Amino acid sequence: MSQEIKLYVRTADQTRRAELDLDASSTGADIIQAAVDNWALPADTDYTLVNTTTGKALAPGDDLSKAARPGDVLEVQPVLVAG
């Protein structure tokens, strides 16, 4: 039986936001990919996932059971490359 965590996921500019019940074994990479797919974010951009409640970034392989608590806000942020 898998455990679900209720979280909020939003884009860095806060134009898109969703309240989700996610499986605790979901990873940061899973959430980023779902946001890119569902919100039609640019696929040629790299993204990072930040738990704005704790101020910590989630590594792509981190699962939610270790990186988030119910009610936390996760923000999908583009990785800016200086040139």
PDB file of N, CA and C in Angstrom:
ATOM      1  N   MET A   1       0.839  -1.184   0.000  1.00  0.00           N
ATOM      2  CA  MET A   1       0.000   0.000   0.000  1.00  0.00           C
ATOM      3  C   MET A   1       0.878   1.239   0.000  1.00  0.00           C
ATOM      4  N   SER A   2       0.700   2.071  -0.998  1.00  0.00           N
ATOM      5  CA  SER A   2       1.532   3.260  -1.089  1.00  0.00           C
ATOM      6  C   SER A   2       0.867   4.422  -0.371  1.00  0.00           C
ATOM      7  N   GLN A   3       1.699   5.254   0.208  1.00  0.00           N
ATOM      8  CA  GLN A   3       1.211   6.407   0.953  1.00  0.00           C
ATOM      9  C   GLN A   3       1.197   7.625   0.037  1.00  0.00           C
ATOM     10  N   GLU A   4       0.165   8.459   0.160  1.00  0.00           N
ATOM     11  CA  GLU A   4       0.083   9.671  -0.634  1.00  0.00           C
ATOM     12  C   GLU A   4       0.348  10.888   0.248  1.00  0.00           C
ATOM     13  N   ILE A   5       0.925  11.908  -0.369  1.00  0.00           N
ATOM     14  CA  ILE A   5       1.213  13.169   0.308  1.00  0.00           C
ATOM     15  C   ILE A   5       0.513  14.278  -0.479  1.00  0.00           C
ATOM     16  N   LYS A   6      -0.240  15.119   0.213  1.00  0.00           N
ATOM     17  CA  LYS A   6      -0.884  16.265  -0.441  1.00  0.00           C
ATOM     18  C   LYS A   6       0.105  17.425  -0.448  1.00  0.00           C
ATOM     19  N   LEU A   7       0.448  17.884  -1.667  1.00  0.00           N
ATOM     20  CA  LEU A   7       1.411  18.971  -1.842  1.00  0.00           C
ATOM     21  C   LEU A   7       0.860  19.992  -2.817  1.00  0.00           C
ATOM     22  N   TYR A   8       1.511  21.120  -2.837  1.00  0.00           N
ATOM     23  CA  TYR A   8       1.209  22.161  -3.813  1.00  0.00           C
ATOM     24  C   TYR A   8       2.428  22.296  -4.716  1.00  0.00           C
ATOM     25  N   VAL A   9       2.201  22.303  -6.003  1.00  0.00           N
ATOM     26  CA  VAL A   9       3.280  22.460  -6.975  1.00  0.00           C
ATOM     27  C   VAL A   9       2.966  23.708  -7.787  1.00  0.00           C
ATOM     28  N   ARG A  10       3.983  24.555  -7.982  1.00  0.00           N
ATOM     29  CA  ARG A  10       3.776  25.777  -8.746  1.00  0.00           C
ATOM     30  C   ARG A  10       5.009  26.082  -9.584  1.00  0.00           C
ATOM     31  N   THR A  11       4.830  26.973 -10.546  1.00  0.00           N
ATOM     32  CA  THR A  11       5.961  27.441 -11.335  1.00  0.00           C
ATOM     33  C   THR A  11       6.609  28.605 -10.591  1.00  0.00           C
ATOM     34  N   ALA A  12       7.849  28.905 -10.956  1.00  0.00           N
ATOM     35  CA  ALA A  12       8.597  29.963 -10.278  1.00  0.00           C
ATOM     36  C   ALA A  12       7.917  31.322 -10.416  1.00  0.00           C
ATOM     37  N   ASP A  13       7.262  31.573 -11.558  1.00  0.00           N
ATOM     38  CA  ASP A  13       6.570  32.853 -11.741  1.00  0.00           C
ATOM     39  C   ASP A  13       5.164  32.843 -11.141  1.00  0.00           C
ATOM     40  N   GLN A  14       4.787  31.726 -10.548  1.00  0.00           N
ATOM     41  CA  GLN A  14       3.521  31.517  -9.846  1.00  0.00           C
ATOM     42  C   GLN A  14       2.291  31.698 -10.737  1.00  0.00           C
ATOM     43  N   THR A  15       2.459  31.533 -12.053  1.00  0.00           N
ATOM     44  CA  THR A  15       1.312  31.615 -12.958  1.00  0.00           C
ATOM     45  C   THR A  15       0.552  30.300 -13.018  1.00  0.00           C
ATOM     46  N   ARG A  16       1.207  29.217 -12.627  1.00  0.00           N
ATOM     47  CA  ARG A  16       0.552  27.910 -12.612  1.00  0.00           C
ATOM     48  C   ARG A  16       0.741  27.300 -11.231  1.00  0.00           C
ATOM     49  N   ARG A  17      -0.358  26.700 -10.727  1.00  0.00           N
ATOM     50  CA  ARG A  17      -0.318  26.113  -9.390  1.00  0.00           C
ATOM     51  C   ARG A  17      -1.304  24.953  -9.359  1.00  0.00           C
ATOM     52  N   ALA A  18      -0.921  23.895  -8.671  1.00  0.00           N
ATOM     53  CA  ALA A  18      -1.811  22.750  -8.550  1.00  0.00           C
ATOM     54  C   ALA A  18      -1.692  22.152  -7.151  1.00  0.00           C
ATOM     55  N   GLU A  19      -2.817  21.676  -6.643  1.00  0.00           N
ATOM     56  CA  GLU A  19      -2.839  20.921  -5.397  1.00  0.00           C
ATOM     57  C   GLU A  19      -2.896  19.460  -5.804  1.00  0.00           C
ATOM     58  N   LEU A  20      -1.912  18.680  -5.366  1.00  0.00           N
ATOM     59  CA  LEU A  20      -1.802  17.300  -5.819  1.00  0.00           C
ATOM     60  C   LEU A  20      -1.686  16.336  -4.659  1.00  0.00           C
ATOM     61  N   ASP A  21      -2.242  15.146  -4.855  1.00  0.00           N
ATOM     62  CA  ASP A  21      -2.004  14.020  -3.959  1.00  0.00           C
ATOM     63  C   ASP A  21      -1.014  13.123  -4.691  1.00  0.00           C
ATOM     64  N   LEU A  22       0.219  13.101  -4.224  1.00  0.00           N
ATOM     65  CA  LEU A  22       1.279  12.362  -4.902  1.00  0.00           C
ATOM     66  C   LEU A  22       1.737  11.179  -4.081  1.00  0.00           C
ATOM     67  N   ASP A  23       2.125  10.129  -4.765  1.00  0.00           N
ATOM     68  CA  ASP A  23       2.682   8.953  -4.108  1.00  0.00           C
ATOM     69  C   ASP A  23       3.983   9.357  -3.429  1.00  0.00           C
ATOM     70  N   ALA A  24       4.176   8.904  -2.197  1.00  0.00           N
ATOM     71  CA  ALA A  24       5.372   9.263  -1.435  1.00  0.00           C
ATOM     72  C   ALA A  24       6.652   8.779  -2.098  1.00  0.00           C
ATOM     73  N   SER A  25       6.546   7.803  -3.004  1.00  0.00           N
ATOM     74  CA  SER A  25       7.743   7.310  -3.682  1.00  0.00           C
ATOM     75  C   SER A  25       8.038   8.094  -4.970  1.00  0.00           C
ATOM     76  N   SER A  26       7.205   9.079  -5.323  1.00  0.00           N
ATOM     77  CA  SER A  26       7.478   9.927  -6.489  1.00  0.00           C
ATOM     78  C   SER A  26       8.777  10.685  -6.258  1.00  0.00           C
ATOM     79  N   THR A  27       9.522  10.901  -7.330  1.00  0.00           N
ATOM     80  CA  THR A  27      10.799  11.612  -7.211  1.00  0.00           C
ATOM     81  C   THR A  27      10.674  13.040  -7.733  1.00  0.00           C
ATOM     82  N   GLY A  28      11.689  13.826  -7.436  1.00  0.00           N
ATOM     83  CA  GLY A  28      11.734  15.181  -7.957  1.00  0.00           C
ATOM     84  C   GLY A  28      11.662  15.196  -9.469  1.00  0.00           C
ATOM     85  N   ALA A  29      12.364  14.278 -10.112  1.00  0.00           N
ATOM     86  CA  ALA A  29      12.348  14.194 -11.580  1.00  0.00           C
ATOM     87  C   ALA A  29      10.949  13.880 -12.099  1.00  0.00           C
ATOM     88  N   ASP A  30      10.208  13.012 -11.402  1.00  0.00           N
ATOM     89  CA  ASP A  30       8.829  12.686 -11.805  1.00  0.00           C
ATOM     90  C   ASP A  30       7.946  13.939 -11.787  1.00  0.00           C
ATOM     91  N   ILE A  31       8.090  14.735 -10.756  1.00  0.00           N
ATOM     92  CA  ILE A  31       7.258  15.923 -10.601  1.00  0.00           C
ATOM     93  C   ILE A  31       7.612  16.964 -11.659  1.00  0.00           C
ATOM     94  N   ILE A  32       8.901  17.155 -11.905  1.00  0.00           N
ATOM     95  CA  ILE A  32       9.328  18.100 -12.938  1.00  0.00           C
ATOM     96  C   ILE A  32       8.794  17.671 -14.295  1.00  0.00           C
ATOM     97  N   GLN A  33       8.922  16.389 -14.620  1.00  0.00           N
ATOM     98  CA  GLN A  33       8.456  15.911 -15.922  1.00  0.00           C
ATOM     99  C   GLN A  33       6.948  16.090 -16.061  1.00  0.00           C
ATOM    100  N   ALA A  34       6.206  15.817 -15.009  1.00  0.00           N
ATOM    101  CA  ALA A  34       4.752  15.990 -15.050  1.00  0.00           C
ATOM    102  C   ALA A  34       4.388  17.461 -15.251  1.00  0.00           C
ATOM    103  N   ALA A  35       5.121  18.368 -14.602  1.00  0.00           N
ATOM    104  CA  ALA A  35       4.856  19.797 -14.767  1.00  0.00           C
ATOM    105  C   ALA A  35       5.148  20.243 -16.197  1.00  0.00           C
ATOM    106  N   VAL A  36       6.260  19.789 -16.765  1.00  0.00           N
ATOM    107  CA  VAL A  36       6.611  20.135 -18.145  1.00  0.00           C
ATOM    108  C   VAL A  36       5.521  19.644 -19.089  1.00  0.00           C
ATOM    109  N   ASP A  37       5.068  18.409 -18.887  1.00  0.00           N
ATOM    110  CA  ASP A  37       4.042  17.822 -19.756  1.00  0.00           C
ATOM    111  C   ASP A  37       2.681  18.508 -19.593  1.00  0.00           C
ATOM    112  N   ASN A  38       2.227  18.662 -18.363  1.00  0.00           N
ATOM    113  CA  ASN A  38       0.878  19.174 -18.106  1.00  0.00           C
ATOM    114  C   ASN A  38       0.744  20.674 -18.326  1.00  0.00           C
ATOM    115  N   TRP A  39       1.807  21.415 -18.067  1.00  0.00           N
ATOM    116  CA  TRP A  39       1.740  22.864 -18.189  1.00  0.00           C
ATOM    117  C   TRP A  39       2.421  23.368 -19.456  1.00  0.00           C
ATOM    118  N   ALA A  40       2.819  22.475 -20.327  1.00  0.00           N
ATOM    119  CA  ALA A  40       3.466  22.843 -21.602  1.00  0.00           C
ATOM    120  C   ALA A  40       4.649  23.788 -21.381  1.00  0.00           C
ATOM    121  N   LEU A  41       5.467  23.467 -20.385  1.00  0.00           N
ATOM    122  CA  LEU A  41       6.678  24.262 -20.146  1.00  0.00           C
ATOM    123  C   LEU A  41       7.705  23.919 -21.214  1.00  0.00           C
ATOM    124  N   PRO A  42       8.621  24.832 -21.521  1.00  0.00           N
ATOM    125  CA  PRO A  42       9.628  24.548 -22.548  1.00  0.00           C
ATOM    126  C   PRO A  42      10.431  23.286 -22.211  1.00  0.00           C
ATOM    127  N   ALA A  43      10.427  22.341 -23.124  1.00  0.00           N
ATOM    128  CA  ALA A  43      11.112  21.068 -22.891  1.00  0.00           C
ATOM    129  C   ALA A  43      12.618  21.188 -23.054  1.00  0.00           C
ATOM    130  N   ASP A  44      13.087  22.261 -23.692  1.00  0.00           N
ATOM    131  CA  ASP A  44      14.519  22.424 -23.904  1.00  0.00           C
ATOM    132  C   ASP A  44      15.201  23.177 -22.755  1.00  0.00           C
ATOM    133  N   THR A  45      14.507  23.327 -21.651  1.00  0.00           N
ATOM    134  CA  THR A  45      15.029  24.009 -20.468  1.00  0.00           C
ATOM    135  C   THR A  45      15.230  22.984 -19.357  1.00  0.00           C
ATOM    136  N   ASP A  46      16.307  23.152 -18.589  1.00  0.00           N
ATOM    137  CA  ASP A  46      16.511  22.311 -17.410  1.00  0.00           C
ATOM    138  C   ASP A  46      15.802  22.960 -16.231  1.00  0.00           C
ATOM    139  N   TYR A  47      15.250  22.114 -15.361  1.00  0.00           N
ATOM    140  CA  TYR A  47      14.509  22.613 -14.208  1.00  0.00           C
ATOM    141  C   TYR A  47      15.038  21.986 -12.929  1.00  0.00           C
ATOM    142  N   THR A  48      14.828  22.705 -11.840  1.00  0.00           N
ATOM    143  CA  THR A  48      15.111  22.176 -10.521  1.00  0.00           C
ATOM    144  C   THR A  48      13.823  22.287  -9.711  1.00  0.00           C
ATOM    145  N   LEU A  49      13.706  21.476  -8.682  1.00  0.00           N
ATOM    146  CA  LEU A  49      12.525  21.482  -7.834  1.00  0.00           C
ATOM    147  C   LEU A  49      12.945  21.920  -6.436  1.00  0.00           C
ATOM    148  N   VAL A  50      12.307  22.968  -5.941  1.00  0.00           N
ATOM    149  CA  VAL A  50      12.662  23.524  -4.639  1.00  0.00           C
ATOM    150  C   VAL A  50      11.457  23.441  -3.719  1.00  0.00           C
ATOM    151  N   ASN A  51      11.689  22.929  -2.526  1.00  0.00           N
ATOM    152  CA  ASN A  51      10.651  22.931  -1.499  1.00  0.00           C
ATOM    153  C   ASN A  51      10.711  24.311  -0.848  1.00  0.00           C
ATOM    154  N   THR A  52       9.775  25.203  -1.214  1.00  0.00           N
ATOM    155  CA  THR A  52       9.832  26.572  -0.700  1.00  0.00           C
ATOM    156  C   THR A  52       9.466  26.640   0.779  1.00  0.00           C
ATOM    157  N   THR A  53       8.843  25.618   1.299  1.00  0.00           N
ATOM    158  CA  THR A  53       8.505  25.578   2.716  1.00  0.00           C
ATOM    159  C   THR A  53       9.764  25.420   3.558  1.00  0.00           C
ATOM    160  N   THR A  54      10.693  24.582   3.081  1.00  0.00           N
ATOM    161  CA  THR A  54      11.939  24.349   3.826  1.00  0.00           C
ATOM    162  C   THR A  54      13.115  25.117   3.244  1.00  0.00           C
ATOM    163  N   GLY A  55      12.968  25.605   2.002  1.00  0.00           N
ATOM    164  CA  GLY A  55      14.061  26.311   1.351  1.00  0.00           C
ATOM    165  C   GLY A  55      15.120  25.405   0.764  1.00  0.00           C
ATOM    166  N   LYS A  56      14.828  24.119   0.642  1.00  0.00           N
ATOM    167  CA  LYS A  56      15.816  23.163   0.146  1.00  0.00           C
ATOM    168  C   LYS A  56      15.433  22.642  -1.237  1.00  0.00           C
ATOM    169  N   ALA A  57      16.445  22.477  -2.081  1.00  0.00           N
ATOM    170  CA  ALA A  57      16.239  21.896  -3.402  1.00  0.00           C
ATOM    171  C   ALA A  57      16.150  20.381  -3.277  1.00  0.00           C
ATOM    172  N   LEU A  58      15.316  19.776  -4.119  1.00  0.00           N
ATOM    173  CA  LEU A  58      15.206  18.319  -4.159  1.00  0.00           C
ATOM    174  C   LEU A  58      16.074  17.825  -5.303  1.00  0.00           C
ATOM    175  N   ALA A  59      16.902  16.855  -5.027  1.00  0.00           N
ATOM    176  CA  ALA A  59      17.673  16.215  -6.090  1.00  0.00           C
ATOM    177  C   ALA A  59      16.699  15.411  -6.946  1.00  0.00           C
ATOM    178  N   PRO A  60      16.986  15.243  -8.242  1.00  0.00           N
ATOM    179  CA  PRO A  60      16.067  14.509  -9.113  1.00  0.00           C
ATOM    180  C   PRO A  60      15.692  13.118  -8.596  1.00  0.00           C
ATOM    181  N   GLY A  61      16.617  12.456  -7.903  1.00  0.00           N
ATOM    182  CA  GLY A  61      16.347  11.110  -7.411  1.00  0.00           C
ATOM    183  C   GLY A  61      15.728  11.052  -6.029  1.00  0.00           C
ATOM    184  N   ASP A  62      15.604  12.198  -5.353  1.00  0.00           N
ATOM    185  CA  ASP A  62      15.009  12.217  -4.013  1.00  0.00           C
ATOM    186  C   ASP A  62      13.528  11.889  -4.096  1.00  0.00           C
ATOM    187  N   ASP A  63      13.077  10.989  -3.212  1.00  0.00           N
ATOM    188  CA  ASP A  63      11.641  10.734  -3.197  1.00  0.00           C
ATOM    189  C   ASP A  63      10.966  11.606  -2.151  1.00  0.00           C
ATOM    190  N   LEU A  64       9.674  11.815  -2.350  1.00  0.00           N
ATOM    191  CA  LEU A  64       8.929  12.756  -1.518  1.00  0.00           C
ATOM    192  C   LEU A  64       8.877  12.353  -0.057  1.00  0.00           C
ATOM    193  N   SER A  65       8.947  11.071   0.226  1.00  0.00           N
ATOM    194  CA  SER A  65       8.856  10.633   1.621  1.00  0.00           C
ATOM    195  C   SER A  65       9.995  11.203   2.462  1.00  0.00           C
ATOM    196  N   LYS A  66      11.128  11.504   1.826  1.00  0.00           N
ATOM    197  CA  LYS A  66      12.274  12.055   2.554  1.00  0.00           C
ATOM    198  C   LYS A  66      12.401  13.566   2.400  1.00  0.00           C
ATOM    199  N   ALA A  67      11.798  14.131   1.340  1.00  0.00           N
ATOM    200  CA  ALA A  67      12.065  15.529   0.999  1.00  0.00           C
ATOM    201  C   ALA A  67      10.892  16.476   1.224  1.00  0.00           C
ATOM    202  N   ALA A  68       9.719  15.959   1.559  1.00  0.00           N
ATOM    203  CA  ALA A  68       8.554  16.832   1.696  1.00  0.00           C
ATOM    204  C   ALA A  68       7.590  16.291   2.744  1.00  0.00           C
ATOM    205  N   ARG A  69       6.822  17.198   3.294  1.00  0.00           N
ATOM    206  CA  ARG A  69       5.771  16.850   4.244  1.00  0.00           C
ATOM    207  C   ARG A  69       4.442  17.344   3.686  1.00  0.00           C
ATOM    208  N   PRO A  70       3.336  16.749   4.117  1.00  0.00           N
ATOM    209  CA  PRO A  70       2.036  17.200   3.615  1.00  0.00           C
ATOM    210  C   PRO A  70       1.864  18.714   3.773  1.00  0.00           C
ATOM    211  N   GLY A  71       1.373  19.349   2.712  1.00  0.00           N
ATOM    212  CA  GLY A  71       1.139  20.781   2.735  1.00  0.00           C
ATOM    213  C   GLY A  71       2.296  21.627   2.231  1.00  0.00           C
ATOM    214  N   ASP A  72       3.466  21.010   2.003  1.00  0.00           N
ATOM    215  CA  ASP A  72       4.619  21.764   1.500  1.00  0.00           C
ATOM    216  C   ASP A  72       4.339  22.288   0.098  1.00  0.00           C
ATOM    217  N   VAL A  73       5.017  23.376  -0.254  1.00  0.00           N
ATOM    218  CA  VAL A  73       4.920  23.967  -1.590  1.00  0.00           C
ATOM    219  C   VAL A  73       6.211  23.667  -2.335  1.00  0.00           C
ATOM    220  N   LEU A  74       6.069  22.990  -3.485  1.00  0.00           N
ATOM    221  CA  LEU A  74       7.217  22.678  -4.339  1.00  0.00           C
ATOM    222  C   LEU A  74       7.155  23.594  -5.550  1.00  0.00           C
ATOM    223  N   GLU A  75       8.302  24.168  -5.880  1.00  0.00           N
ATOM    224  CA  GLU A  75       8.356  25.131  -6.977  1.00  0.00           C
ATOM    225  C   GLU A  75       9.271  24.600  -8.082  1.00  0.00           C
ATOM    226  N   VAL A  76       8.750  24.563  -9.300  1.00  0.00           N
ATOM    227  CA  VAL A  76       9.517  24.146 -10.461  1.00  0.00           C
ATOM    228  C   VAL A  76      10.210  25.404 -10.998  1.00  0.00           C
ATOM    229  N   GLN A  77      11.549  25.415 -10.913  1.00  0.00           N
ATOM    230  CA  GLN A  77      12.308  26.595 -11.308  1.00  0.00           C
ATOM    231  C   GLN A  77      13.227  26.268 -12.474  1.00  0.00           C
ATOM    232  N   PRO A  78      13.255  27.143 -13.485  1.00  0.00           N
ATOM    233  CA  PRO A  78      14.203  26.914 -14.579  1.00  0.00           C
ATOM    234  C   PRO A  78      15.621  27.153 -14.084  1.00  0.00           C
ATOM    235  N   VAL A  79      16.550  26.353 -14.593  1.00  0.00           N
ATOM    236  CA  VAL A  79      17.963  26.532 -14.258  1.00  0.00           C
ATOM    237  C   VAL A  79      18.516  27.577 -15.213  1.00  0.00           C
ATOM    238  N   LEU A  80      18.942  28.684 -14.664  1.00  0.00           N
ATOM    239  CA  LEU A  80      19.453  29.783 -15.489  1.00  0.00           C
ATOM    240  C   LEU A  80      20.928  29.549 -15.776  1.00  0.00           C
ATOM    241  N   VAL A  81      21.282  29.672 -17.050  1.00  0.00           N
ATOM    242  CA  VAL A  81      22.658  29.487 -17.469  1.00  0.00           C
ATOM    243  C   VAL A  81      23.204  30.842 -17.894  1.00  0.00           C
ATOM    244  N   ALA A  82      24.206  31.300 -17.185  1.00  0.00           N
ATOM    245  CA  ALA A  82      24.816  32.602 -17.534  1.00  0.00           C
ATOM    246  C   ALA A  82      25.719  32.398 -18.738  1.00  0.00           C
ATOM    247  N   GLY A  83      25.719  33.386 -19.628  1.00  0.00           N
ATOM    248  CA  GLY A  83      26.524  33.195 -20.829  1.00  0.00           C
ATOM    249  C   GLY A  83      27.378  34.352 -21.190  1.00  0.00           C
TER     250      GLY A  83
END
